[in-house]
Amino acid sequence: MNAAGWKGGHVAALGLTALLTLYGSFWLVAIWEVASGHAQAIRLGYDVSHIVRYLTPAEAVLIFAATVFMGASFAGLVMRRRISQGLIAVAMLCHVIVWILLGDNPYYSAAPGFLVLIIEGLTLTLVVVLSRRGYLR
C-alpha cells in the first residue's frame, strides 16, 4: 500500500494525540487551580484537589513535560514529520515515570493512567507504522 493509502491512519494518530494532549491539559489545569486556590473538589470522578496537593514538584514538572511533548508531537503529525514518533516516546516515558511516582498518592487511582499508557503505546505504534510506510517525512 502506498503512502496515500494511510490517510485514515494519519487521522487516527492525530485524534489520539489530540486526546492525549487534552488529558495532560486536564491535569495541568487541575494543578493550576489548586495552586491558585480555585480548585473544585471533584472533577471527572477524581478528587483533584487532594491528588494535586500530594504531588511533588518533580511530578508536576513531569506532567507538564509529558503534555508539552505530546502537544509537540501533535504539531509534528499535522506537518507529517517523523520527529513526532520520538516526541510521543518521550511523552510516554514522562507519563510512565509520573504514573509510578503517583503510586504512593492515596487519592489517585492508577487504572485511568494505565489506560492512558495503553493508548499512548497504540498511538506510538501507529505513528511508527506511518513513518515506516513513508507517510511521514
N, C-alpha and C. Protein backbone atom coordinates (compact mmCIF):
# COMPACT_ATOMS: atom_id res chain seq x y z
N MET A 1 0.85 -1.17 0.00
CA MET A 1 0.00 0.00 0.00
C MET A 1 0.90 1.24 0.00
N ASN A 2 0.57 2.19 -0.86
CA ASN A 2 1.38 3.41 -0.93
C ASN A 2 1.05 4.35 0.22
N ALA A 3 1.84 5.44 0.27
CA ALA A 3 1.69 6.39 1.37
C ALA A 3 0.31 7.04 1.38
N ALA A 4 -0.28 7.23 0.22
CA ALA A 4 -1.60 7.88 0.16
C ALA A 4 -2.68 7.03 0.81
N GLY A 5 -2.46 5.72 0.90
CA GLY A 5 -3.44 4.82 1.50
C GLY A 5 -3.47 4.88 3.02
N TRP A 6 -2.59 5.66 3.63
CA TRP A 6 -2.51 5.72 5.08
C TRP A 6 -3.12 6.98 5.66
N LYS A 7 -3.95 7.68 4.89
CA LYS A 7 -4.58 8.90 5.38
C LYS A 7 -5.46 8.62 6.60
N GLY A 8 -6.18 7.50 6.60
CA GLY A 8 -7.01 7.13 7.75
C GLY A 8 -6.18 6.91 9.00
N GLY A 9 -5.01 6.29 8.85
CA GLY A 9 -4.11 6.09 9.99
C GLY A 9 -3.58 7.41 10.51
N HIS A 10 -3.34 8.33 9.59
CA HIS A 10 -2.86 9.65 10.00
C HIS A 10 -3.94 10.39 10.78
N VAL A 11 -5.17 10.32 10.33
CA VAL A 11 -6.28 10.95 11.04
C VAL A 11 -6.46 10.32 12.42
N ALA A 12 -6.34 9.00 12.50
CA ALA A 12 -6.46 8.31 13.79
C ALA A 12 -5.34 8.74 14.73
N ALA A 13 -4.12 8.83 14.22
CA ALA A 13 -2.99 9.26 15.05
C ALA A 13 -3.19 10.70 15.53
N LEU A 14 -3.69 11.56 14.66
CA LEU A 14 -3.97 12.94 15.06
C LEU A 14 -5.02 12.98 16.17
N GLY A 15 -6.08 12.19 16.00
CA GLY A 15 -7.14 12.16 17.01
C GLY A 15 -6.65 11.65 18.35
N LEU A 16 -5.88 10.56 18.33
CA LEU A 16 -5.36 10.00 19.59
C LEU A 16 -4.37 10.95 20.26
N THR A 17 -3.53 11.59 19.47
CA THR A 17 -2.56 12.52 20.03
C THR A 17 -3.27 13.74 20.62
N ALA A 18 -4.31 14.21 19.95
CA ALA A 18 -5.09 15.33 20.49
C ALA A 18 -5.77 14.93 21.79
N LEU A 19 -6.31 13.72 21.85
CA LEU A 19 -6.96 13.22 23.07
C LEU A 19 -5.96 13.16 24.22
N LEU A 20 -4.76 12.66 23.94
CA LEU A 20 -3.74 12.55 24.98
C LEU A 20 -3.25 13.93 25.44
N THR A 21 -3.19 14.87 24.51
CA THR A 21 -2.81 16.24 24.89
C THR A 21 -3.89 16.86 25.77
N LEU A 22 -5.15 16.61 25.46
CA LEU A 22 -6.24 17.12 26.29
C LEU A 22 -6.22 16.50 27.68
N TYR A 23 -5.90 15.21 27.76
CA TYR A 23 -5.80 14.54 29.06
C TYR A 23 -4.71 15.19 29.92
N GLY A 24 -3.55 15.44 29.31
CA GLY A 24 -2.48 16.11 30.05
C GLY A 24 -2.87 17.52 30.44
N SER A 25 -3.58 18.21 29.55
CA SER A 25 -4.03 19.57 29.83
C SER A 25 -5.01 19.60 31.00
N PHE A 26 -5.85 18.56 31.10
CA PHE A 26 -6.76 18.45 32.25
C PHE A 26 -5.98 18.50 33.55
N TRP A 27 -4.87 17.76 33.61
CA TRP A 27 -4.08 17.73 34.84
C TRP A 27 -3.32 19.03 35.05
N LEU A 28 -2.88 19.66 33.97
CA LEU A 28 -2.21 20.96 34.12
C LEU A 28 -3.17 22.01 34.66
N VAL A 29 -4.41 22.01 34.17
CA VAL A 29 -5.42 22.94 34.67
C VAL A 29 -5.72 22.64 36.14
N ALA A 30 -5.79 21.36 36.49
CA ALA A 30 -6.05 20.99 37.88
C ALA A 30 -4.93 21.48 38.80
N ILE A 31 -3.69 21.33 38.35
CA ILE A 31 -2.56 21.80 39.15
C ILE A 31 -2.63 23.31 39.32
N TRP A 32 -2.92 24.01 38.23
CA TRP A 32 -3.03 25.47 38.29
C TRP A 32 -4.17 25.90 39.22
N GLU A 33 -5.31 25.22 39.14
CA GLU A 33 -6.45 25.58 40.00
C GLU A 33 -6.12 25.39 41.48
N VAL A 34 -5.47 24.30 41.81
CA VAL A 34 -5.12 24.06 43.21
C VAL A 34 -4.08 25.07 43.68
N ALA A 35 -3.12 25.35 42.82
CA ALA A 35 -2.09 26.33 43.20
C ALA A 35 -2.66 27.72 43.38
N SER A 36 -3.70 28.06 42.61
CA SER A 36 -4.29 29.40 42.73
C SER A 36 -5.43 29.45 43.74
N GLY A 37 -5.79 28.31 44.31
CA GLY A 37 -6.84 28.27 45.33
C GLY A 37 -8.26 28.22 44.79
N HIS A 38 -8.42 27.89 43.54
CA HIS A 38 -9.75 27.83 42.92
C HIS A 38 -10.14 26.40 42.55
N ALA A 39 -9.65 25.43 43.25
CA ALA A 39 -9.88 24.03 42.89
C ALA A 39 -11.30 23.58 43.21
N GLN A 40 -11.85 22.79 42.30
CA GLN A 40 -13.11 22.11 42.57
C GLN A 40 -12.73 20.77 43.20
N ALA A 41 -13.56 20.32 44.11
CA ALA A 41 -13.22 19.09 44.83
C ALA A 41 -13.22 17.87 43.91
N ILE A 42 -14.27 17.70 43.14
CA ILE A 42 -14.39 16.52 42.29
C ILE A 42 -14.50 16.99 40.84
N ARG A 43 -13.71 16.39 39.98
CA ARG A 43 -13.78 16.67 38.55
C ARG A 43 -13.51 15.36 37.81
N LEU A 44 -14.43 14.99 36.95
CA LEU A 44 -14.34 13.74 36.18
C LEU A 44 -14.11 12.53 37.08
N GLY A 45 -14.71 12.54 38.24
CA GLY A 45 -14.58 11.41 39.15
C GLY A 45 -13.32 11.41 39.99
N TYR A 46 -12.45 12.38 39.79
CA TYR A 46 -11.22 12.48 40.57
C TYR A 46 -11.40 13.47 41.71
N ASP A 47 -10.80 13.17 42.83
CA ASP A 47 -10.72 14.14 43.92
C ASP A 47 -9.48 14.98 43.64
N VAL A 48 -9.62 15.89 42.69
CA VAL A 48 -8.49 16.60 42.11
C VAL A 48 -7.69 17.37 43.15
N SER A 49 -8.38 18.07 44.03
CA SER A 49 -7.64 18.92 44.97
C SER A 49 -6.71 18.10 45.87
N HIS A 50 -7.18 16.94 46.33
CA HIS A 50 -6.32 16.11 47.17
C HIS A 50 -5.18 15.46 46.38
N ILE A 51 -5.48 15.02 45.16
CA ILE A 51 -4.44 14.41 44.33
C ILE A 51 -3.32 15.41 44.08
N VAL A 52 -3.69 16.62 43.68
CA VAL A 52 -2.69 17.62 43.33
C VAL A 52 -1.92 18.08 44.56
N ARG A 53 -2.56 18.16 45.70
CA ARG A 53 -1.85 18.59 46.92
C ARG A 53 -0.76 17.60 47.32
N TYR A 54 -0.93 16.34 46.94
CA TYR A 54 0.07 15.32 47.25
C TYR A 54 1.18 15.23 46.19
N LEU A 55 1.06 15.98 45.09
CA LEU A 55 2.09 15.95 44.05
C LEU A 55 3.38 16.57 44.55
N THR A 56 4.49 15.97 44.17
CA THR A 56 5.78 16.60 44.42
C THR A 56 6.07 17.54 43.25
N PRO A 57 6.98 18.47 43.41
CA PRO A 57 7.33 19.35 42.28
C PRO A 57 7.83 18.56 41.07
N ALA A 58 8.57 17.49 41.31
CA ALA A 58 9.07 16.67 40.19
C ALA A 58 7.91 16.05 39.40
N GLU A 59 6.90 15.58 40.10
CA GLU A 59 5.74 15.00 39.41
C GLU A 59 5.01 16.05 38.59
N ALA A 60 4.87 17.25 39.14
CA ALA A 60 4.20 18.33 38.39
C ALA A 60 5.00 18.70 37.15
N VAL A 61 6.32 18.74 37.27
CA VAL A 61 7.17 19.06 36.11
C VAL A 61 7.06 17.96 35.06
N LEU A 62 7.02 16.71 35.48
CA LEU A 62 6.89 15.60 34.53
C LEU A 62 5.53 15.61 33.83
N ILE A 63 4.49 15.97 34.54
CA ILE A 63 3.17 16.10 33.91
C ILE A 63 3.21 17.20 32.86
N PHE A 64 3.83 18.33 33.21
CA PHE A 64 3.97 19.43 32.27
C PHE A 64 4.78 18.98 31.05
N ALA A 65 5.90 18.30 31.27
CA ALA A 65 6.75 17.86 30.17
C ALA A 65 6.02 16.88 29.26
N ALA A 66 5.31 15.92 29.85
CA ALA A 66 4.57 14.95 29.04
C ALA A 66 3.53 15.64 28.17
N THR A 67 2.85 16.63 28.71
CA THR A 67 1.82 17.35 27.95
C THR A 67 2.46 18.16 26.83
N VAL A 68 3.57 18.82 27.12
CA VAL A 68 4.25 19.62 26.10
C VAL A 68 4.76 18.73 24.98
N PHE A 69 5.37 17.61 25.32
CA PHE A 69 5.89 16.70 24.29
C PHE A 69 4.75 16.11 23.46
N MET A 70 3.63 15.78 24.10
CA MET A 70 2.50 15.23 23.34
C MET A 70 1.92 16.30 22.42
N GLY A 71 1.81 17.54 22.91
CA GLY A 71 1.33 18.63 22.06
C GLY A 71 2.27 18.89 20.89
N ALA A 72 3.58 18.81 21.14
CA ALA A 72 4.56 18.98 20.07
C ALA A 72 4.46 17.84 19.06
N SER A 73 4.19 16.63 19.53
CA SER A 73 4.03 15.51 18.60
C SER A 73 2.78 15.69 17.74
N PHE A 74 1.72 16.28 18.32
CA PHE A 74 0.53 16.59 17.53
C PHE A 74 0.89 17.56 16.41
N ALA A 75 1.66 18.60 16.76
CA ALA A 75 2.08 19.57 15.74
C ALA A 75 2.94 18.88 14.68
N GLY A 76 3.82 17.98 15.11
CA GLY A 76 4.63 17.23 14.16
C GLY A 76 3.80 16.36 13.24
N LEU A 77 2.76 15.75 13.79
CA LEU A 77 1.88 14.92 12.95
C LEU A 77 1.09 15.76 11.97
N VAL A 78 0.67 16.96 12.39
CA VAL A 78 -0.04 17.85 11.47
C VAL A 78 0.86 18.16 10.27
N MET A 79 2.16 18.36 10.54
CA MET A 79 3.11 18.66 9.47
C MET A 79 3.69 17.39 8.83
N ARG A 80 3.23 16.23 9.28
CA ARG A 80 3.68 14.93 8.77
C ARG A 80 5.19 14.75 8.90
N ARG A 81 5.69 14.99 10.10
CA ARG A 81 7.13 14.85 10.38
C ARG A 81 7.40 13.62 11.25
N ARG A 82 8.52 12.98 10.96
CA ARG A 82 8.92 11.79 11.72
C ARG A 82 9.29 12.08 13.16
N ILE A 83 9.65 13.30 13.44
CA ILE A 83 10.05 13.68 14.81
C ILE A 83 8.94 13.38 15.80
N SER A 84 7.71 13.32 15.32
CA SER A 84 6.58 13.09 16.23
C SER A 84 6.69 11.73 16.93
N GLN A 85 7.30 10.73 16.31
CA GLN A 85 7.41 9.45 17.00
C GLN A 85 8.36 9.54 18.18
N GLY A 86 9.44 10.28 18.06
CA GLY A 86 10.34 10.47 19.20
C GLY A 86 9.70 11.29 20.31
N LEU A 87 8.91 12.30 19.91
CA LEU A 87 8.24 13.13 20.90
C LEU A 87 7.19 12.34 21.67
N ILE A 88 6.47 11.46 20.98
CA ILE A 88 5.49 10.61 21.66
C ILE A 88 6.20 9.67 22.63
N ALA A 89 7.34 9.13 22.20
CA ALA A 89 8.09 8.21 23.07
C ALA A 89 8.57 8.92 24.34
N VAL A 90 9.04 10.16 24.20
CA VAL A 90 9.50 10.92 25.37
C VAL A 90 8.31 11.25 26.28
N ALA A 91 7.18 11.65 25.68
CA ALA A 91 5.98 11.93 26.47
C ALA A 91 5.53 10.69 27.23
N MET A 92 5.59 9.55 26.56
CA MET A 92 5.19 8.30 27.20
C MET A 92 6.14 7.95 28.36
N LEU A 93 7.42 8.18 28.17
CA LEU A 93 8.39 7.93 29.23
C LEU A 93 8.10 8.83 30.44
N CYS A 94 7.84 10.11 30.19
CA CYS A 94 7.48 11.03 31.29
C CYS A 94 6.23 10.54 32.01
N HIS A 95 5.23 10.08 31.24
CA HIS A 95 3.99 9.61 31.85
C HIS A 95 4.21 8.35 32.67
N VAL A 96 5.03 7.43 32.18
CA VAL A 96 5.32 6.20 32.93
C VAL A 96 5.97 6.55 34.27
N ILE A 97 6.92 7.48 34.24
CA ILE A 97 7.61 7.87 35.48
C ILE A 97 6.62 8.50 36.46
N VAL A 98 5.77 9.41 35.96
CA VAL A 98 4.76 10.04 36.84
C VAL A 98 3.81 8.99 37.38
N TRP A 99 3.40 8.08 36.54
CA TRP A 99 2.44 7.05 36.95
C TRP A 99 3.03 6.20 38.08
N ILE A 100 4.31 5.86 37.96
CA ILE A 100 4.96 5.08 39.01
C ILE A 100 5.10 5.91 40.29
N LEU A 101 5.50 7.17 40.13
CA LEU A 101 5.67 8.03 41.30
C LEU A 101 4.35 8.29 42.02
N LEU A 102 3.25 8.32 41.29
CA LEU A 102 1.94 8.56 41.90
C LEU A 102 1.40 7.35 42.67
N GLY A 103 2.13 6.26 42.65
CA GLY A 103 1.69 5.06 43.33
C GLY A 103 1.50 5.24 44.83
N ASP A 104 2.20 6.20 45.42
CA ASP A 104 2.05 6.41 46.86
C ASP A 104 0.99 7.46 47.20
N ASN A 105 0.31 8.01 46.20
CA ASN A 105 -0.74 9.01 46.44
C ASN A 105 -2.03 8.28 46.78
N PRO A 106 -2.53 8.43 48.00
CA PRO A 106 -3.71 7.66 48.41
C PRO A 106 -5.00 8.07 47.70
N TYR A 107 -5.01 9.22 47.03
CA TYR A 107 -6.22 9.69 46.37
C TYR A 107 -6.25 9.37 44.89
N TYR A 108 -5.16 8.88 44.34
CA TYR A 108 -5.05 8.64 42.91
C TYR A 108 -5.32 7.17 42.59
N SER A 109 -6.24 6.94 41.66
CA SER A 109 -6.49 5.58 41.17
C SER A 109 -5.61 5.38 39.94
N ALA A 110 -4.86 4.32 39.92
CA ALA A 110 -3.91 4.09 38.83
C ALA A 110 -4.56 3.57 37.55
N ALA A 111 -5.79 3.08 37.61
CA ALA A 111 -6.42 2.47 36.45
C ALA A 111 -6.56 3.42 35.26
N PRO A 112 -7.05 4.65 35.42
CA PRO A 112 -7.13 5.54 34.26
C PRO A 112 -5.77 5.85 33.66
N GLY A 113 -4.76 6.02 34.50
CA GLY A 113 -3.42 6.26 33.99
C GLY A 113 -2.89 5.08 33.21
N PHE A 114 -3.21 3.88 33.64
CA PHE A 114 -2.79 2.68 32.92
C PHE A 114 -3.47 2.63 31.56
N LEU A 115 -4.75 2.96 31.50
CA LEU A 115 -5.47 3.01 30.23
C LEU A 115 -4.83 4.03 29.29
N VAL A 116 -4.45 5.18 29.82
CA VAL A 116 -3.80 6.20 29.00
C VAL A 116 -2.44 5.70 28.50
N LEU A 117 -1.72 4.96 29.32
CA LEU A 117 -0.45 4.38 28.86
C LEU A 117 -0.67 3.42 27.70
N ILE A 118 -1.73 2.65 27.74
CA ILE A 118 -2.05 1.74 26.63
C ILE A 118 -2.36 2.54 25.38
N ILE A 119 -3.13 3.61 25.52
CA ILE A 119 -3.46 4.47 24.37
C ILE A 119 -2.19 5.12 23.81
N GLU A 120 -1.30 5.55 24.70
CA GLU A 120 -0.03 6.12 24.24
C GLU A 120 0.79 5.10 23.47
N GLY A 121 0.81 3.87 23.95
CA GLY A 121 1.54 2.81 23.24
C GLY A 121 0.95 2.52 21.87
N LEU A 122 -0.38 2.48 21.80
CA LEU A 122 -1.03 2.27 20.50
C LEU A 122 -0.76 3.44 19.55
N THR A 123 -0.78 4.65 20.09
CA THR A 123 -0.50 5.83 19.27
C THR A 123 0.93 5.79 18.75
N LEU A 124 1.87 5.45 19.62
CA LEU A 124 3.27 5.35 19.19
C LEU A 124 3.42 4.29 18.11
N THR A 125 2.79 3.15 18.29
CA THR A 125 2.85 2.09 17.28
C THR A 125 2.30 2.57 15.95
N LEU A 126 1.17 3.25 15.98
CA LEU A 126 0.55 3.76 14.76
C LEU A 126 1.46 4.77 14.08
N VAL A 127 2.09 5.65 14.84
CA VAL A 127 2.98 6.65 14.25
C VAL A 127 4.23 6.00 13.67
N VAL A 128 4.76 4.98 14.32
CA VAL A 128 5.91 4.26 13.78
C VAL A 128 5.53 3.58 12.47
N VAL A 129 4.36 2.98 12.41
CA VAL A 129 3.89 2.36 11.16
C VAL A 129 3.75 3.41 10.06
N LEU A 130 3.17 4.55 10.40
CA LEU A 130 3.05 5.65 9.42
C LEU A 130 4.42 6.07 8.91
N SER A 131 5.39 6.13 9.81
CA SER A 131 6.74 6.52 9.42
C SER A 131 7.38 5.47 8.53
N ARG A 132 7.23 4.22 8.89
CA ARG A 132 7.83 3.13 8.11
C ARG A 132 7.21 2.99 6.72
N ARG A 133 5.93 3.33 6.62
CA ARG A 133 5.24 3.25 5.32
C ARG A 133 5.48 4.46 4.45
N GLY A 134 6.26 5.42 4.94
CA GLY A 134 6.63 6.58 4.14
C GLY A 134 5.61 7.70 4.17
N TYR A 135 4.65 7.63 5.07
CA TYR A 135 3.64 8.68 5.14
C TYR A 135 4.17 9.93 5.83
N LEU A 136 5.10 9.74 6.77
CA LEU A 136 5.73 10.87 7.47
C LEU A 136 7.08 11.14 6.86
N ARG A 137 7.42 12.41 6.76
CA ARG A 137 8.71 12.80 6.14
C ARG A 137 9.75 13.06 7.22
